[in-house]
Amino acid sequence: MMPEIYGTLGPSCCDTDTLCAMLDAGMTGMRLNLSHITLHDAAEEIESLRRAAERRGTKPQLLIDLQGPELRIGVLQRPLILSTAEDVLLGPGGIPVPEIVIPALIPGQHILLDDGKLLLETVGPGKNGITARVIRGGTLQSRKSIALPGCSFHTPPLTEQDLLNLAHAEDYGVTGVMQPFVRSRADLSAVRAALDKNGGQRIRLFAKIENREGLEHLDELIPACDEIVIARGDLGNSMPLWELPRVQKEISAKCRAAGRDFMVVTQMLDSMTHRPVPTRAELSDIFNAVLDGAASVMVTGETASGEYPVETIRYLVRTVREAEAFA
């Protein structure tokens, strides 16, 4: 069976005509990122997908990606431009960070912001907060992720917004739920219980491997979900990047041995966010993921906010088909 081909719903592809073209190109499912919104907020986009599916006589999968235990900064008055080598304040009067991370901000601690796009290093106590130096700068916007490599925090697996979305998942035609930053089987049990409580027994559960804890508990996670997601963005932030390809291969091998489906995601066609043609390396990456046995592949920002959502799906589908024919 050919792997599932997922795009991500967003401003660049939320109109019915574009979605029809993506389905024509071979897309079989769509991810909806609920990190900042609810299913109700996305009702119009979901309806566009339903209309496109109806026009094309198909039934694409609809996956929702929850907030989960991921930590995020607070609301900024305006986007902040962080320049390399400047010092910034974390805490009151500066960049708002979750209180739970403050004790871990000891001198020398690295701080990754916005999925690792920005890198800070703790200097020490500052006026009303913690001073950190910008190692890798960029523009920081509200509610972006914050991660401290080497640190783990005991936060609930589901937020109030997650519980609200799970309560209405069946009503909106959701076929799968992606739980981010899975740490143990208990995290997955909490999602499954919330789904079952609200009539979502048939909704599939996807476990996103994005941190060291998830890797360490992989053997107990594999039988507790319907599909493992090798989410290479934050997973790559938790280790030196050169280790990531080996870890991807190890997860793939464990899933194959256990007969568990797995998905590969993150930067599969990242260059196509702004270019109509991908790199050779990206196509090789997709090809090899399929040869490793991936049951699903997914693009995220490439279709959600990229300039070439239809072309992205076309390249993804054709590369997957080429790999399937080779295998």
Protein backbone atom coordinates (compact mmCIF):
# COMPACT_ATOMS: atom_id res chain seq x y z
CA MET A 1 0.00 0.00 0.00
CA MET A 2 1.32 3.44 -0.92
CA PRO A 3 2.21 5.65 2.04
CA GLU A 4 -0.26 8.30 3.13
CA ILE A 5 0.62 11.77 1.83
CA TYR A 6 -0.18 14.59 4.25
CA GLY A 7 -0.14 18.33 3.80
CA THR A 8 -0.77 20.91 6.52
CA LEU A 9 -3.76 23.21 6.39
CA GLY A 10 -3.02 26.93 6.56
CA PRO A 11 -3.47 30.30 4.86
CA SER A 12 -1.71 29.21 1.66
CA CYS A 13 -4.03 26.30 0.95
CA CYS A 14 -7.30 26.88 2.79
CA ASP A 15 -9.43 27.68 -0.26
CA THR A 16 -11.40 24.90 -1.89
CA ASP A 17 -9.83 25.23 -5.35
CA THR A 18 -6.28 24.85 -4.00
CA LEU A 19 -7.32 21.91 -1.86
CA CYS A 20 -8.91 20.28 -4.91
CA ALA A 21 -5.64 20.69 -6.80
CA MET A 22 -3.71 19.14 -3.90
CA LEU A 23 -6.08 16.17 -3.82
CA ASP A 24 -5.72 15.83 -7.60
CA ALA A 25 -1.95 15.72 -7.12
CA GLY A 26 -2.31 12.74 -4.79
CA MET A 27 -2.62 14.15 -1.27
CA THR A 28 -4.49 11.71 0.96
CA GLY A 29 -4.72 13.63 4.23
CA MET A 30 -4.34 16.98 5.94
CA ARG A 31 -2.84 18.03 9.28
CA LEU A 32 -4.34 20.87 11.29
CA ASN A 33 -2.03 22.48 13.85
CA LEU A 34 -3.99 23.30 17.01
CA SER A 35 -1.09 24.77 18.98
CA HIS A 36 -2.74 28.20 19.01
CA ILE A 37 -6.35 27.63 17.92
CA THR A 38 -9.35 25.38 18.49
CA LEU A 39 -11.28 23.23 16.08
CA HIS A 40 -14.05 25.81 16.25
CA ASP A 41 -11.62 28.52 15.15
CA ALA A 42 -10.68 26.39 12.14
CA ALA A 43 -14.24 25.43 11.21
CA GLU A 44 -14.14 27.39 7.93
CA GLU A 45 -10.88 25.75 6.79
CA ILE A 46 -12.21 22.30 7.70
CA GLU A 47 -15.34 23.03 5.69
CA SER A 48 -13.18 23.98 2.68
CA LEU A 49 -11.44 20.60 2.95
CA ARG A 50 -14.82 18.86 3.17
CA ARG A 51 -16.07 20.66 0.05
CA ALA A 52 -12.91 19.81 -1.88
CA ALA A 53 -13.20 16.16 -0.87
CA GLU A 54 -16.84 16.11 -1.92
CA ARG A 55 -15.98 17.58 -5.32
CA ARG A 56 -13.30 14.98 -5.89
CA GLY A 57 -15.26 12.06 -4.46
CA THR A 58 -12.62 11.20 -1.88
CA LYS A 59 -12.29 11.03 1.90
CA PRO A 60 -8.96 12.51 3.03
CA GLN A 61 -7.67 11.92 6.53
CA LEU A 62 -7.85 14.85 8.98
CA LEU A 63 -5.18 14.86 11.69
CA ILE A 64 -5.15 17.34 14.52
CA ASP A 65 -1.87 18.22 16.20
CA LEU A 66 -2.43 19.14 19.85
CA GLN A 67 -0.58 21.55 22.15
CA GLY A 68 0.47 18.80 24.54
CA PRO A 69 3.19 19.40 27.12
CA GLU A 70 5.25 21.72 24.91
CA LEU A 71 6.42 24.86 26.71
CA ARG A 72 5.92 28.28 25.09
CA ILE A 73 6.84 31.85 25.83
CA GLY A 74 4.06 34.30 26.65
CA VAL A 75 2.54 37.14 24.63
CA LEU A 76 4.85 39.88 23.36
CA GLN A 77 3.67 43.42 22.70
CA ARG A 78 5.37 43.22 19.31
CA PRO A 79 7.81 40.86 17.54
CA LEU A 80 11.31 41.13 18.98
CA ILE A 81 14.44 41.25 16.84
CA LEU A 82 17.16 39.46 18.79
CA SER A 83 20.65 40.30 17.53
CA THR A 84 23.56 37.91 17.94
CA ALA A 85 25.76 38.71 20.97
CA GLU A 86 23.22 41.05 22.63
CA ASP A 87 21.94 40.38 26.15
CA VAL A 88 18.21 39.99 26.77
CA LEU A 89 16.08 39.66 29.88
CA LEU A 90 13.92 36.61 30.53
CA GLY A 91 11.02 37.05 32.93
CA PRO A 92 9.09 40.12 34.13
CA GLY A 93 9.83 43.11 31.95
CA GLY A 94 11.51 40.96 29.33
CA ILE A 95 10.66 37.85 27.32
CA PRO A 96 7.88 36.11 29.27
CA VAL A 97 8.82 32.49 29.99
CA PRO A 98 6.95 29.76 31.92
CA GLU A 99 7.69 29.88 35.64
CA ILE A 100 8.55 26.19 35.62
CA VAL A 101 11.72 26.81 33.58
CA ILE A 102 13.15 29.61 35.77
CA PRO A 103 14.97 27.33 38.26
CA ALA A 104 16.71 25.56 35.36
CA LEU A 105 18.13 28.79 33.91
CA ILE A 106 21.58 28.44 35.44
CA PRO A 107 24.62 30.06 33.82
CA GLY A 108 25.62 28.27 30.64
CA GLN A 109 22.19 26.69 30.04
CA HIS A 110 21.21 26.79 26.36
CA ILE A 111 17.69 27.99 25.51
CA LEU A 112 16.08 27.14 22.17
CA LEU A 113 13.24 29.36 20.94
CA ASP A 114 10.82 28.92 18.03
CA ASP A 115 11.69 25.26 17.28
CA GLY A 116 15.39 26.00 17.62
CA LYS A 117 15.56 28.87 15.15
CA LEU A 118 16.91 31.11 17.92
CA LEU A 119 19.51 30.08 20.50
CA LEU A 120 20.26 31.85 23.80
CA GLU A 121 22.63 31.03 26.64
CA THR A 122 21.96 31.93 30.25
CA VAL A 123 24.42 34.46 31.69
CA GLY A 124 23.04 34.85 35.21
CA PRO A 125 20.53 36.78 37.33
CA GLY A 126 19.41 40.11 35.97
CA LYS A 127 17.14 42.90 37.13
CA ASN A 128 13.78 41.22 37.90
CA GLY A 129 14.69 38.18 35.86
CA ILE A 130 17.40 36.18 34.13
CA THR A 131 19.94 37.59 31.67
CA ALA A 132 20.71 35.53 28.57
CA ARG A 133 23.02 36.14 25.62
CA VAL A 134 21.83 35.66 22.06
CA ILE A 135 23.97 33.03 20.32
CA ARG A 136 21.82 32.68 17.20
CA GLY A 137 19.56 35.63 16.54
CA GLY A 138 16.38 36.27 14.62
CA THR A 139 12.83 37.55 15.06
CA LEU A 140 10.84 36.20 18.00
CA GLN A 141 7.06 36.30 18.04
CA SER A 142 4.48 35.54 20.74
CA ARG A 143 3.72 32.03 21.95
CA LYS A 144 6.71 30.40 20.27
CA SER A 145 8.20 27.24 21.76
CA ILE A 146 10.93 27.27 24.38
CA ALA A 147 13.12 24.27 25.13
CA LEU A 148 16.08 23.73 27.44
CA PRO A 149 18.31 20.89 26.16
CA GLY A 150 19.09 18.43 28.93
CA CYS A 151 16.15 19.52 31.10
CA SER A 152 12.79 17.82 31.54
CA PHE A 153 9.69 19.33 33.12
CA HIS A 154 6.71 17.54 34.58
CA THR A 155 3.75 19.20 32.89
CA PRO A 156 0.30 17.67 32.20
CA PRO A 157 0.05 15.79 28.88
CA LEU A 158 -3.07 17.73 27.86
CA THR A 159 -4.02 21.39 28.19
CA GLU A 160 -7.55 22.66 28.72
CA GLN A 161 -7.61 23.61 25.04
CA ASP A 162 -6.52 20.07 24.09
CA LEU A 163 -9.36 18.58 26.13
CA LEU A 164 -11.82 20.93 24.42
CA ASN A 165 -10.56 19.92 20.98
CA LEU A 166 -10.69 16.22 21.82
CA ALA A 167 -14.26 16.62 23.06
CA HIS A 168 -15.30 17.85 19.59
CA ALA A 169 -12.93 15.82 17.41
CA GLU A 170 -15.58 13.34 16.32
CA ASP A 171 -18.01 16.16 15.43
CA TYR A 172 -15.47 17.73 13.05
CA GLY A 173 -14.60 14.49 11.27
CA VAL A 174 -11.14 14.12 12.78
CA THR A 175 -9.58 10.77 11.87
CA GLY A 176 -6.34 11.00 13.85
CA VAL A 177 -4.82 12.84 16.82
CA MET A 178 -1.12 13.69 17.03
CA GLN A 179 0.14 13.94 20.60
CA PRO A 180 3.34 16.04 20.70
CA PHE A 181 6.34 15.52 22.99
CA VAL A 182 5.17 12.10 24.16
CA ARG A 183 7.18 11.11 27.25
CA SER A 184 5.60 7.86 28.38
CA ARG A 185 2.72 5.50 27.84
CA ALA A 186 0.73 7.51 30.41
CA ASP A 187 0.66 10.50 28.03
CA LEU A 188 -0.94 8.38 25.32
CA SER A 189 -3.38 6.81 27.79
CA ALA A 190 -4.61 10.29 28.73
CA VAL A 191 -5.33 11.14 25.08
CA ARG A 192 -7.00 7.80 24.43
CA ALA A 193 -9.22 8.18 27.51
CA ALA A 194 -10.32 11.67 26.44
CA LEU A 195 -11.17 10.43 22.94
CA ASP A 196 -13.08 7.39 24.18
CA LYS A 197 -15.03 9.53 26.63
CA ASN A 198 -16.29 11.68 23.74
CA GLY A 199 -17.17 9.00 21.19
CA GLY A 200 -13.80 9.02 19.43
CA GLN A 201 -13.00 5.33 19.74
CA ARG A 202 -12.29 5.05 16.02
CA ILE A 203 -9.93 8.02 15.93
CA ARG A 204 -6.32 6.91 15.50
CA LEU A 205 -3.60 7.98 17.91
CA PHE A 206 -0.22 9.23 16.62
CA ALA A 207 2.71 9.49 19.06
CA LYS A 208 5.21 12.21 18.15
CA ILE A 209 8.76 11.39 19.18
CA GLU A 210 10.32 14.81 19.84
CA ASN A 211 12.57 14.47 22.88
CA ARG A 212 14.96 12.20 24.76
CA GLU A 213 12.21 10.91 27.06
CA GLY A 214 10.21 9.70 24.10
CA LEU A 215 13.25 7.91 22.71
CA GLU A 216 14.00 6.27 26.02
CA HIS A 217 10.42 4.98 26.32
CA LEU A 218 9.96 4.05 22.67
CA ASP A 219 9.48 0.34 23.39
CA GLU A 220 6.46 1.07 25.61
CA LEU A 221 5.06 3.72 23.23
CA ILE A 222 5.01 1.56 20.11
CA PRO A 223 2.21 -0.79 21.27
CA ALA A 224 0.26 2.09 22.88
CA CYS A 225 -0.43 4.03 19.66
CA ASP A 226 -1.55 3.47 16.08
CA GLU A 227 1.42 5.22 14.50
CA ILE A 228 4.79 6.60 15.61
CA VAL A 229 5.76 10.02 14.25
CA ILE A 230 9.46 10.74 13.76
CA ALA A 231 9.14 14.50 14.28
CA ARG A 232 12.61 15.63 13.33
CA GLY A 233 12.25 19.32 14.24
CA ASP A 234 12.25 19.24 18.02
CA LEU A 235 13.84 15.80 18.06
CA GLY A 236 16.81 17.39 16.31
CA ASN A 237 16.90 20.10 18.98
CA SER A 238 17.36 17.47 21.69
CA MET A 239 20.64 16.14 20.28
CA PRO A 240 23.54 17.15 18.04
CA LEU A 241 22.04 17.34 14.55
CA TRP A 242 24.51 14.87 13.09
CA GLU A 243 23.04 12.19 15.37
CA LEU A 244 19.50 12.68 14.01
CA PRO A 245 19.81 10.51 10.85
CA ARG A 246 21.02 7.56 12.93
CA VAL A 247 18.19 8.03 15.44
CA GLN A 248 15.65 8.18 12.60
CA LYS A 249 17.00 4.87 11.27
CA GLU A 250 16.85 3.29 14.74
CA ILE A 251 13.22 4.34 15.29
CA SER A 252 12.28 3.11 11.81
CA ALA A 253 13.89 -0.28 12.49
CA LYS A 254 12.12 -0.69 15.84
CA CYS A 255 8.76 0.15 14.27
CA ARG A 256 9.32 -2.32 11.42
CA ALA A 257 10.29 -5.07 13.86
CA ALA A 258 7.14 -4.44 15.92
CA GLY A 259 4.86 -4.14 12.88
CA ARG A 260 3.95 -0.59 13.86
CA ASP A 261 3.30 2.10 11.24
CA PHE A 262 5.49 5.19 11.37
CA MET A 263 5.52 8.64 9.80
CA VAL A 264 8.46 10.87 8.85
CA VAL A 265 7.97 14.63 9.06
CA THR A 266 9.78 18.00 9.20
CA GLN A 267 11.63 19.87 6.44
CA MET A 268 10.93 17.19 3.85
CA LEU A 269 10.56 19.88 1.19
CA ASP A 270 11.50 22.94 3.21
CA SER A 271 13.12 24.74 0.27
CA MET A 272 9.76 24.73 -1.51
CA THR A 273 8.39 27.17 1.04
CA HIS A 274 9.78 29.82 -1.30
CA ARG A 275 10.93 27.88 -4.37
CA PRO A 276 8.94 25.96 -7.00
CA VAL A 277 11.56 23.19 -7.24
CA PRO A 278 13.04 21.18 -4.34
CA THR A 279 16.65 20.28 -3.69
CA ARG A 280 18.07 16.93 -4.75
CA ALA A 281 18.85 16.18 -1.09
CA GLU A 282 15.19 16.65 -0.10
CA LEU A 283 13.98 14.20 -2.72
CA SER A 284 16.59 11.69 -1.61
CA ASP A 285 15.39 12.11 1.97
CA ILE A 286 11.79 11.32 0.99
CA PHE A 287 12.88 8.38 -1.17
CA ASN A 288 14.91 6.86 1.66
CA ALA A 289 12.12 7.35 4.22
CA VAL A 290 9.82 5.29 2.00
CA LEU A 291 12.47 2.60 1.50
CA ASP A 292 12.82 2.44 5.29
CA GLY A 293 9.13 1.54 5.47
CA ALA A 294 7.37 4.81 6.32
CA ALA A 295 3.58 4.42 6.26
CA SER A 296 3.15 8.20 6.02
CA VAL A 297 5.09 11.28 5.03
CA MET A 298 4.07 14.85 5.79
CA VAL A 299 4.90 18.42 4.89
CA THR A 300 4.07 21.25 7.28
CA GLY A 301 4.92 24.90 6.62
CA GLU A 302 5.56 24.09 2.96
CA THR A 303 1.80 23.92 2.33
CA ALA A 304 0.45 25.86 5.33
CA SER A 305 2.29 29.10 4.60
CA GLY A 306 4.50 28.35 1.60
CA GLU A 307 4.21 29.85 -1.85
CA TYR A 308 3.82 26.56 -3.77
CA PRO A 309 1.49 24.21 -1.88
CA VAL A 310 0.24 22.30 -4.94
CA GLU A 311 3.69 21.87 -6.43
CA THR A 312 4.97 20.69 -3.05
CA ILE A 313 2.41 17.89 -2.91
CA ARG A 314 3.12 16.97 -6.52
CA TYR A 315 6.84 16.51 -5.83
CA LEU A 316 6.13 14.62 -2.62
CA VAL A 317 3.71 12.23 -4.28
CA ARG A 318 5.87 11.56 -7.34
CA THR A 319 8.94 10.87 -5.21
CA VAL A 320 6.99 8.48 -2.99
CA ARG A 321 5.65 6.66 -6.04
CA GLU A 322 9.15 6.39 -7.49
CA ALA A 323 10.41 4.87 -4.24
CA GLU A 324 7.49 2.44 -4.13
CA ALA A 325 8.21 1.31 -7.68
CA PHE A 326 11.89 0.82 -6.83
CA ALA A 327 11.13 -1.18 -3.71
